[in-house]
All heavy atoms as atom14 arrays in JSON, in Angstrom:
{
  "sequence": "VQSLTHLIERPTSSQSVPIVATVQSDTGISLVEVRYSTDLS",
  "atom14_mask": [
    [1, 1, 1, 1, 1, 1, 1, 0, 0, 0, 0, 0, 0, 0],
    [1, 1, 1, 1, 1, 1, 1, 1, 1, 0, 0, 0, 0, 0],
    [1, 1, 1, 1, 1, 1, 0, 0, 0, 0, 0, 0, 0, 0],
    [1, 1, 1, 1, 1, 1, 1, 1, 0, 0, 0, 0, 0, 0],
    [1, 1, 1, 1, 1, 1, 1, 0, 0, 0, 0, 0, 0, 0],
    [1, 1, 1, 1, 1, 1, 1, 1, 1, 1, 0, 0, 0, 0],
    [1, 1, 1, 1, 1, 1, 1, 1, 0, 0, 0, 0, 0, 0],
    [1, 1, 1, 1, 1, 1, 1, 1, 0, 0, 0, 0, 0, 0],
    [1, 1, 1, 1, 1, 1, 1, 1, 1, 0, 0, 0, 0, 0],
    [1, 1, 1, 1, 1, 1, 1, 1, 1, 1, 1, 0, 0, 0],
    [1, 1, 1, 1, 1, 1, 1, 0, 0, 0, 0, 0, 0, 0],
    [1, 1, 1, 1, 1, 1, 1, 0, 0, 0, 0, 0, 0, 0],
    [1, 1, 1, 1, 1, 1, 0, 0, 0, 0, 0, 0, 0, 0],
    [1, 1, 1, 1, 1, 1, 0, 0, 0, 0, 0, 0, 0, 0],
    [1, 1, 1, 1, 1, 1, 1, 1, 1, 0, 0, 0, 0, 0],
    [1, 1, 1, 1, 1, 1, 0, 0, 0, 0, 0, 0, 0, 0],
    [1, 1, 1, 1, 1, 1, 1, 0, 0, 0, 0, 0, 0, 0],
    [1, 1, 1, 1, 1, 1, 1, 0, 0, 0, 0, 0, 0, 0],
    [1, 1, 1, 1, 1, 1, 1, 1, 0, 0, 0, 0, 0, 0],
    [1, 1, 1, 1, 1, 1, 1, 0, 0, 0, 0, 0, 0, 0],
    [1, 1, 1, 1, 1, 0, 0, 0, 0, 0, 0, 0, 0, 0],
    [1, 1, 1, 1, 1, 1, 1, 0, 0, 0, 0, 0, 0, 0],
    [1, 1, 1, 1, 1, 1, 1, 0, 0, 0, 0, 0, 0, 0],
    [1, 1, 1, 1, 1, 1, 1, 1, 1, 0, 0, 0, 0, 0],
    [1, 1, 1, 1, 1, 1, 0, 0, 0, 0, 0, 0, 0, 0],
    [1, 1, 1, 1, 1, 1, 1, 1, 0, 0, 0, 0, 0, 0],
    [1, 1, 1, 1, 1, 1, 1, 0, 0, 0, 0, 0, 0, 0],
    [1, 1, 1, 1, 0, 0, 0, 0, 0, 0, 0, 0, 0, 0],
    [1, 1, 1, 1, 1, 1, 1, 1, 0, 0, 0, 0, 0, 0],
    [1, 1, 1, 1, 1, 1, 0, 0, 0, 0, 0, 0, 0, 0],
    [1, 1, 1, 1, 1, 1, 1, 1, 0, 0, 0, 0, 0, 0],
    [1, 1, 1, 1, 1, 1, 1, 0, 0, 0, 0, 0, 0, 0],
    [1, 1, 1, 1, 1, 1, 1, 1, 1, 0, 0, 0, 0, 0],
    [1, 1, 1, 1, 1, 1, 1, 0, 0, 0, 0, 0, 0, 0],
    [1, 1, 1, 1, 1, 1, 1, 1, 1, 1, 1, 0, 0, 0],
    [1, 1, 1, 1, 1, 1, 1, 1, 1, 1, 1, 1, 0, 0],
    [1, 1, 1, 1, 1, 1, 0, 0, 0, 0, 0, 0, 0, 0],
    [1, 1, 1, 1, 1, 1, 1, 0, 0, 0, 0, 0, 0, 0],
    [1, 1, 1, 1, 1, 1, 1, 1, 0, 0, 0, 0, 0, 0],
    [1, 1, 1, 1, 1, 1, 1, 1, 0, 0, 0, 0, 0, 0],
    [1, 1, 1, 1, 1, 1, 0, 0, 0, 0, 0, 0, 0, 0]
  ],
  "atom14_positions": [
    [[83.23, -71.46, 141.38], [81.94, -72.08, 141.71], [82.21, -73.26, 142.57], [83.0, -74.14, 142.23], [81.22, -72.58, 140.39], [79.94, -73.3, 140.74], [80.96, -71.42, 139.45], [0.0, 0.0, 0.0], [0.0, 0.0, 0.0], [0.0, 0.0, 0.0], [0.0, 0.0, 0.0], [0.0, 0.0, 0.0], [0.0, 0.0, 0.0], [0.0, 0.0, 0.0]],
    [[81.65, -73.24, 143.78], [81.9, -74.24, 144.77], [80.9, -75.36, 144.63], [81.26, -76.54, 145.04], [81.91, -73.62, 146.16], [83.06, -72.68, 146.35], [82.97, -71.93, 147.65], [81.93, -71.54, 148.1], [84.13, -71.63, 148.17], [0.0, 0.0, 0.0], [0.0, 0.0, 0.0], [0.0, 0.0, 0.0], [0.0, 0.0, 0.0], [0.0, 0.0, 0.0]],
    [[79.71, -75.17, 144.25], [78.71, -76.16, 144.05], [77.67, -75.7, 143.0], [77.47, -74.47, 142.89], [78.02, -76.56, 145.29], [77.17, -75.53, 145.77], [0.0, 0.0, 0.0], [0.0, 0.0, 0.0], [0.0, 0.0, 0.0], [0.0, 0.0, 0.0], [0.0, 0.0, 0.0], [0.0, 0.0, 0.0], [0.0, 0.0, 0.0], [0.0, 0.0, 0.0]],
    [[77.03, -76.59, 142.31], [75.99, -76.28, 141.36], [74.95, -77.34, 141.44], [75.25, -78.55, 141.4], [76.55, -76.23, 139.92], [75.6, -75.92, 138.82], [75.01, -74.56, 138.94], [76.31, -76.07, 137.46], [0.0, 0.0, 0.0], [0.0, 0.0, 0.0], [0.0, 0.0, 0.0], [0.0, 0.0, 0.0], [0.0, 0.0, 0.0], [0.0, 0.0, 0.0]],
    [[73.67, -76.98, 141.51], [72.56, -77.93, 141.69], [71.42, -77.47, 140.8], [71.11, -76.31, 140.7], [72.06, -77.95, 143.12], [73.18, -78.2, 144.02], [71.03, -78.94, 143.36], [0.0, 0.0, 0.0], [0.0, 0.0, 0.0], [0.0, 0.0, 0.0], [0.0, 0.0, 0.0], [0.0, 0.0, 0.0], [0.0, 0.0, 0.0], [0.0, 0.0, 0.0]],
    [[70.77, -78.44, 140.1], [69.54, -78.18, 139.41], [68.44, -78.74, 140.25], [68.56, -79.83, 140.84], [69.55, -78.66, 137.97], [69.89, -80.06, 137.83], [68.95, -81.11, 137.88], [71.05, -80.71, 137.6], [69.56, -82.25, 137.7], [70.83, -82.04, 137.59], [0.0, 0.0, 0.0], [0.0, 0.0, 0.0], [0.0, 0.0, 0.0], [0.0, 0.0, 0.0]],
    [[67.3, -78.09, 140.33], [66.27, -78.38, 141.25], [65.16, -79.38, 140.67], [64.32, -79.84, 141.4], [65.6, -77.16, 141.84], [66.53, -76.19, 142.57], [65.78, -74.98, 143.08], [67.32, -76.92, 143.65], [0.0, 0.0, 0.0], [0.0, 0.0, 0.0], [0.0, 0.0, 0.0], [0.0, 0.0, 0.0], [0.0, 0.0, 0.0], [0.0, 0.0, 0.0]],
    [[65.3, -79.66, 139.41], [64.4, -80.68, 138.78], [65.24, -81.73, 138.17], [66.12, -81.41, 137.26], [63.48, -80.0, 137.75], [62.58, -78.96, 138.35], [62.62, -81.09, 137.04], [61.69, -78.23, 137.38], [0.0, 0.0, 0.0], [0.0, 0.0, 0.0], [0.0, 0.0, 0.0], [0.0, 0.0, 0.0], [0.0, 0.0, 0.0], [0.0, 0.0, 0.0]],
    [[65.09, -82.93, 138.61], [66.11, -84.01, 138.16], [65.87, -84.4, 136.7], [66.87, -84.51, 135.93], [65.84, -85.3, 139.03], [66.9, -86.36, 138.76], [68.26, -85.99, 139.13], [68.5, -85.23, 140.06], [69.16, -86.43, 138.39], [0.0, 0.0, 0.0], [0.0, 0.0, 0.0], [0.0, 0.0, 0.0], [0.0, 0.0, 0.0], [0.0, 0.0, 0.0]],
    [[64.66, -84.58, 136.21], [64.41, -84.97, 134.86], [63.31, -84.05, 134.27], [62.19, -84.5, 134.21], [64.03, -86.42, 134.79], [65.07, -87.34, 135.25], [64.58, -88.8, 135.11], [65.5, -89.7, 135.83], [66.45, -90.42, 135.24], [66.58, -90.34, 133.93], [67.26, -91.2, 135.95], [0.0, 0.0, 0.0], [0.0, 0.0, 0.0], [0.0, 0.0, 0.0]],
    [[63.73, -82.87, 133.86], [62.67, -81.93, 133.34], [62.16, -82.36, 132.02], [62.84, -82.98, 131.17], [63.44, -80.63, 133.23], [64.84, -81.01, 133.06], [65.01, -82.28, 133.84], [0.0, 0.0, 0.0], [0.0, 0.0, 0.0], [0.0, 0.0, 0.0], [0.0, 0.0, 0.0], [0.0, 0.0, 0.0], [0.0, 0.0, 0.0], [0.0, 0.0, 0.0]],
    [[60.88, -81.99, 131.73], [60.33, -82.16, 130.38], [60.71, -80.99, 129.61], [61.12, -79.99, 130.16], [58.84, -82.33, 130.49], [58.25, -81.14, 130.97], [58.44, -83.57, 131.4], [0.0, 0.0, 0.0], [0.0, 0.0, 0.0], [0.0, 0.0, 0.0], [0.0, 0.0, 0.0], [0.0, 0.0, 0.0], [0.0, 0.0, 0.0], [0.0, 0.0, 0.0]],
    [[60.5, -80.98, 128.28], [60.8, -79.82, 127.47], [59.96, -78.65, 127.79], [60.36, -77.5, 127.45], [60.6, -80.2, 125.95], [59.23, -80.53, 125.71], [0.0, 0.0, 0.0], [0.0, 0.0, 0.0], [0.0, 0.0, 0.0], [0.0, 0.0, 0.0], [0.0, 0.0, 0.0], [0.0, 0.0, 0.0], [0.0, 0.0, 0.0], [0.0, 0.0, 0.0]],
    [[58.85, -78.82, 128.49], [57.98, -77.71, 128.86], [58.27, -77.14, 130.26], [57.57, -76.21, 130.71], [56.5, -78.07, 128.75], [56.2, -79.11, 129.66], [0.0, 0.0, 0.0], [0.0, 0.0, 0.0], [0.0, 0.0, 0.0], [0.0, 0.0, 0.0], [0.0, 0.0, 0.0], [0.0, 0.0, 0.0], [0.0, 0.0, 0.0], [0.0, 0.0, 0.0]],
    [[59.23, -77.72, 130.97], [59.55, -77.2, 132.32], [60.82, -76.35, 132.34], [61.81, -76.74, 131.73], [59.85, -78.42, 133.23], [58.62, -79.16, 133.66], [58.97, -80.31, 134.6], [59.68, -81.22, 134.19], [58.54, -80.2, 135.81], [0.0, 0.0, 0.0], [0.0, 0.0, 0.0], [0.0, 0.0, 0.0], [0.0, 0.0, 0.0], [0.0, 0.0, 0.0]],
    [[60.74, -75.25, 133.02], [61.91, -74.41, 133.34], [62.66, -75.16, 134.41], [62.07, -75.87, 135.28], [61.56, -73.05, 133.75], [60.89, -72.33, 132.71], [0.0, 0.0, 0.0], [0.0, 0.0, 0.0], [0.0, 0.0, 0.0], [0.0, 0.0, 0.0], [0.0, 0.0, 0.0], [0.0, 0.0, 0.0], [0.0, 0.0, 0.0], [0.0, 0.0, 0.0]],
    [[64.03, -74.99, 134.48], [64.81, -75.71, 135.46], [65.52, -74.65, 136.34], [66.41, -73.87, 135.91], [65.86, -76.61, 134.77], [66.73, -77.3, 135.81], [65.21, -77.58, 133.9], [0.0, 0.0, 0.0], [0.0, 0.0, 0.0], [0.0, 0.0, 0.0], [0.0, 0.0, 0.0], [0.0, 0.0, 0.0], [0.0, 0.0, 0.0], [0.0, 0.0, 0.0]],
    [[65.09, -74.55, 137.63], [65.85, -73.69, 138.55], [67.25, -74.29, 138.86], [67.45, -75.4, 139.0], [64.99, -73.74, 139.82], [63.68, -74.23, 139.39], [63.98, -75.17, 138.26], [0.0, 0.0, 0.0], [0.0, 0.0, 0.0], [0.0, 0.0, 0.0], [0.0, 0.0, 0.0], [0.0, 0.0, 0.0], [0.0, 0.0, 0.0], [0.0, 0.0, 0.0]],
    [[68.23, -73.33, 138.92], [69.63, -73.65, 139.09], [70.09, -72.94, 140.31], [69.83, -71.67, 140.42], [70.51, -73.29, 137.91], [70.02, -74.02, 136.58], [71.98, -73.54, 138.12], [70.3, -75.47, 136.61], [0.0, 0.0, 0.0], [0.0, 0.0, 0.0], [0.0, 0.0, 0.0], [0.0, 0.0, 0.0], [0.0, 0.0, 0.0], [0.0, 0.0, 0.0]],
    [[70.86, -73.52, 141.17], [71.45, -72.81, 142.34], [72.98, -73.15, 142.33], [73.39, -74.25, 142.2], [70.84, -73.35, 143.63], [71.46, -72.68, 144.87], [69.28, -73.08, 143.64], [0.0, 0.0, 0.0], [0.0, 0.0, 0.0], [0.0, 0.0, 0.0], [0.0, 0.0, 0.0], [0.0, 0.0, 0.0], [0.0, 0.0, 0.0], [0.0, 0.0, 0.0]],
    [[73.76, -72.08, 142.51], [75.21, -72.21, 142.59], [75.74, -71.5, 143.78], [75.36, -70.34, 144.01], [75.88, -71.67, 141.27], [0.0, 0.0, 0.0], [0.0, 0.0, 0.0], [0.0, 0.0, 0.0], [0.0, 0.0, 0.0], [0.0, 0.0, 0.0], [0.0, 0.0, 0.0], [0.0, 0.0, 0.0], [0.0, 0.0, 0.0], [0.0, 0.0, 0.0]],
    [[76.69, -72.05, 144.48], [77.44, -71.38, 145.54], [78.69, -70.91, 144.87], [79.48, -71.66, 144.34], [77.71, -72.31, 146.72], [76.45, -72.79, 147.22], [78.44, -71.59, 147.84], [0.0, 0.0, 0.0], [0.0, 0.0, 0.0], [0.0, 0.0, 0.0], [0.0, 0.0, 0.0], [0.0, 0.0, 0.0], [0.0, 0.0, 0.0], [0.0, 0.0, 0.0]],
    [[78.93, -69.58, 144.97], [80.07, -68.94, 144.31], [80.91, -68.25, 145.4], [80.43, -67.54, 146.26], [79.57, -67.94, 143.26], [80.75, -67.23, 142.57], [78.7, -68.62, 142.21], [0.0, 0.0, 0.0], [0.0, 0.0, 0.0], [0.0, 0.0, 0.0], [0.0, 0.0, 0.0], [0.0, 0.0, 0.0], [0.0, 0.0, 0.0], [0.0, 0.0, 0.0]],
    [[82.23, -68.47, 145.27], [83.15, -67.74, 146.22], [82.97, -66.27, 146.0], [83.2, -65.78, 144.92], [84.64, -68.19, 145.95], [85.59, -67.65, 146.96], [86.97, -68.21, 146.77], [87.13, -69.28, 146.26], [87.91, -67.44, 147.14], [0.0, 0.0, 0.0], [0.0, 0.0, 0.0], [0.0, 0.0, 0.0], [0.0, 0.0, 0.0], [0.0, 0.0, 0.0]],
    [[82.67, -65.58, 147.04], [82.26, -64.18, 146.93], [83.43, -63.17, 147.02], [83.25, -62.0, 146.83], [81.15, -63.84, 147.91], [81.59, -64.09, 149.21], [0.0, 0.0, 0.0], [0.0, 0.0, 0.0], [0.0, 0.0, 0.0], [0.0, 0.0, 0.0], [0.0, 0.0, 0.0], [0.0, 0.0, 0.0], [0.0, 0.0, 0.0], [0.0, 0.0, 0.0]],
    [[84.63, -63.59, 147.43], [85.68, -62.62, 147.63], [86.45, -62.33, 146.34], [87.51, -61.64, 146.36], [86.64, -63.12, 148.7], [87.33, -64.44, 148.32], [86.99, -65.03, 147.32], [88.31, -64.83, 149.06], [0.0, 0.0, 0.0], [0.0, 0.0, 0.0], [0.0, 0.0, 0.0], [0.0, 0.0, 0.0], [0.0, 0.0, 0.0], [0.0, 0.0, 0.0]],
    [[85.96, -62.72, 145.22], [86.62, -62.43, 143.93], [86.12, -61.09, 143.3], [86.6, -60.72, 142.25], [86.37, -63.55, 142.93], [84.96, -63.71, 142.72], [86.98, -64.83, 143.39], [0.0, 0.0, 0.0], [0.0, 0.0, 0.0], [0.0, 0.0, 0.0], [0.0, 0.0, 0.0], [0.0, 0.0, 0.0], [0.0, 0.0, 0.0], [0.0, 0.0, 0.0]],
    [[85.21, -60.37, 143.94], [84.71, -59.08, 143.45], [83.81, -59.27, 142.18], [83.74, -58.32, 141.4], [0.0, 0.0, 0.0], [0.0, 0.0, 0.0], [0.0, 0.0, 0.0], [0.0, 0.0, 0.0], [0.0, 0.0, 0.0], [0.0, 0.0, 0.0], [0.0, 0.0, 0.0], [0.0, 0.0, 0.0], [0.0, 0.0, 0.0], [0.0, 0.0, 0.0]],
    [[83.12, -60.36, 142.08], [82.27, -60.59, 140.9], [81.01, -59.73, 140.94], [80.59, -59.39, 142.07], [81.86, -62.05, 140.8], [81.13, -62.49, 142.04], [83.05, -62.94, 140.49], [80.45, -63.86, 141.85], [0.0, 0.0, 0.0], [0.0, 0.0, 0.0], [0.0, 0.0, 0.0], [0.0, 0.0, 0.0], [0.0, 0.0, 0.0], [0.0, 0.0, 0.0]],
    [[80.58, -59.32, 139.78], [79.31, -58.51, 139.75], [78.3, -59.22, 138.88], [77.16, -58.75, 138.82], [79.63, -57.17, 139.22], [80.18, -57.18, 137.95], [0.0, 0.0, 0.0], [0.0, 0.0, 0.0], [0.0, 0.0, 0.0], [0.0, 0.0, 0.0], [0.0, 0.0, 0.0], [0.0, 0.0, 0.0], [0.0, 0.0, 0.0], [0.0, 0.0, 0.0]],
    [[78.67, -60.28, 138.19], [77.74, -60.99, 137.27], [78.03, -62.47, 137.31], [79.17, -62.91, 137.22], [77.95, -60.46, 135.8], [77.17, -61.14, 134.75], [75.69, -60.85, 134.9], [77.71, -60.68, 133.39], [0.0, 0.0, 0.0], [0.0, 0.0, 0.0], [0.0, 0.0, 0.0], [0.0, 0.0, 0.0], [0.0, 0.0, 0.0], [0.0, 0.0, 0.0]],
    [[76.93, -63.24, 137.48], [77.02, -64.7, 137.41], [76.04, -65.18, 136.4], [74.89, -64.69, 136.46], [76.81, -65.37, 138.8], [76.71, -66.85, 138.67], [77.9, -64.94, 139.79], [0.0, 0.0, 0.0], [0.0, 0.0, 0.0], [0.0, 0.0, 0.0], [0.0, 0.0, 0.0], [0.0, 0.0, 0.0], [0.0, 0.0, 0.0], [0.0, 0.0, 0.0]],
    [[76.4, -66.02, 135.5], [75.54, -66.6, 134.49], [75.73, -68.06, 134.38], [76.75, -68.55, 134.7], [75.8, -65.93, 133.11], [75.64, -64.48, 133.02], [76.03, -63.94, 131.68], [77.07, -64.38, 131.09], [75.34, -63.0, 131.17], [0.0, 0.0, 0.0], [0.0, 0.0, 0.0], [0.0, 0.0, 0.0], [0.0, 0.0, 0.0], [0.0, 0.0, 0.0]],
    [[74.63, -68.73, 133.98], [74.81, -70.16, 133.63], [74.68, -70.31, 132.13], [73.9, -69.63, 131.49], [73.69, -71.0, 134.37], [72.31, -70.62, 133.96], [73.93, -72.52, 134.1], [0.0, 0.0, 0.0], [0.0, 0.0, 0.0], [0.0, 0.0, 0.0], [0.0, 0.0, 0.0], [0.0, 0.0, 0.0], [0.0, 0.0, 0.0], [0.0, 0.0, 0.0]],
    [[75.58, -71.08, 131.61], [75.56, -71.37, 130.14], [74.98, -72.77, 129.97], [75.35, -73.69, 130.7], [76.94, -71.23, 129.54], [77.45, -69.8, 129.65], [78.76, -69.69, 128.92], [78.65, -70.15, 127.59], [78.81, -69.44, 126.51], [79.1, -68.17, 126.59], [78.69, -69.92, 125.3], [0.0, 0.0, 0.0], [0.0, 0.0, 0.0], [0.0, 0.0, 0.0]],
    [[74.09, -72.95, 129.02], [73.42, -74.24, 128.92], [73.13, -74.49, 127.38], [73.09, -73.58, 126.58], [72.13, -74.24, 129.71], [71.08, -73.3, 129.17], [70.14, -73.67, 128.26], [71.13, -71.98, 129.61], [69.19, -72.74, 127.81], [70.17, -71.06, 129.15], [69.28, -71.39, 128.24], [68.36, -70.5, 127.78], [0.0, 0.0, 0.0], [0.0, 0.0, 0.0]],
    [[72.92, -75.77, 127.1], [72.53, -76.16, 125.73], [71.57, -77.27, 125.91], [71.71, -78.15, 126.72], [73.73, -76.6, 124.97], [73.36, -77.15, 123.64], [0.0, 0.0, 0.0], [0.0, 0.0, 0.0], [0.0, 0.0, 0.0], [0.0, 0.0, 0.0], [0.0, 0.0, 0.0], [0.0, 0.0, 0.0], [0.0, 0.0, 0.0], [0.0, 0.0, 0.0]],
    [[70.51, -77.24, 125.13], [69.47, -78.28, 125.13], [69.78, -79.36, 124.11], [69.16, -80.4, 124.05], [68.04, -77.68, 124.9], [68.11, -77.0, 123.59], [67.68, -76.79, 126.0], [0.0, 0.0, 0.0], [0.0, 0.0, 0.0], [0.0, 0.0, 0.0], [0.0, 0.0, 0.0], [0.0, 0.0, 0.0], [0.0, 0.0, 0.0], [0.0, 0.0, 0.0]],
    [[70.75, -79.07, 123.22], [71.22, -79.97, 122.19], [72.71, -79.77, 122.0], [73.07, -78.66, 121.56], [70.41, -79.7, 120.88], [70.78, -80.56, 119.74], [71.83, -81.3, 119.83], [70.14, -80.42, 118.73], [0.0, 0.0, 0.0], [0.0, 0.0, 0.0], [0.0, 0.0, 0.0], [0.0, 0.0, 0.0], [0.0, 0.0, 0.0], [0.0, 0.0, 0.0]],
    [[73.49, -80.71, 122.27], [74.94, -80.5, 122.22], [75.52, -80.19, 120.86], [76.68, -79.91, 120.73], [75.67, -81.66, 122.88], [75.36, -81.86, 124.39], [76.13, -83.05, 124.9], [75.77, -80.64, 125.15], [0.0, 0.0, 0.0], [0.0, 0.0, 0.0], [0.0, 0.0, 0.0], [0.0, 0.0, 0.0], [0.0, 0.0, 0.0], [0.0, 0.0, 0.0]],
    [[74.68, -80.18, 119.84], [75.14, -79.86, 118.52], [74.92, -78.37, 118.24], [75.28, -77.88, 117.16], [74.44, -80.73, 117.46], [73.09, -80.42, 117.41], [0.0, 0.0, 0.0], [0.0, 0.0, 0.0], [0.0, 0.0, 0.0], [0.0, 0.0, 0.0], [0.0, 0.0, 0.0], [0.0, 0.0, 0.0], [0.0, 0.0, 0.0], [0.0, 0.0, 0.0]]
  ]
}
């Protein structure tokens, strides 16, 4: 992953957050996922 950006700086709990990532494409990847947690516990 070369860069990762979220498009809403301070989302509310009712807002979805668009995510954009630049990924090195010469690794032959077929699946990219973002892992997230809304509560670190």
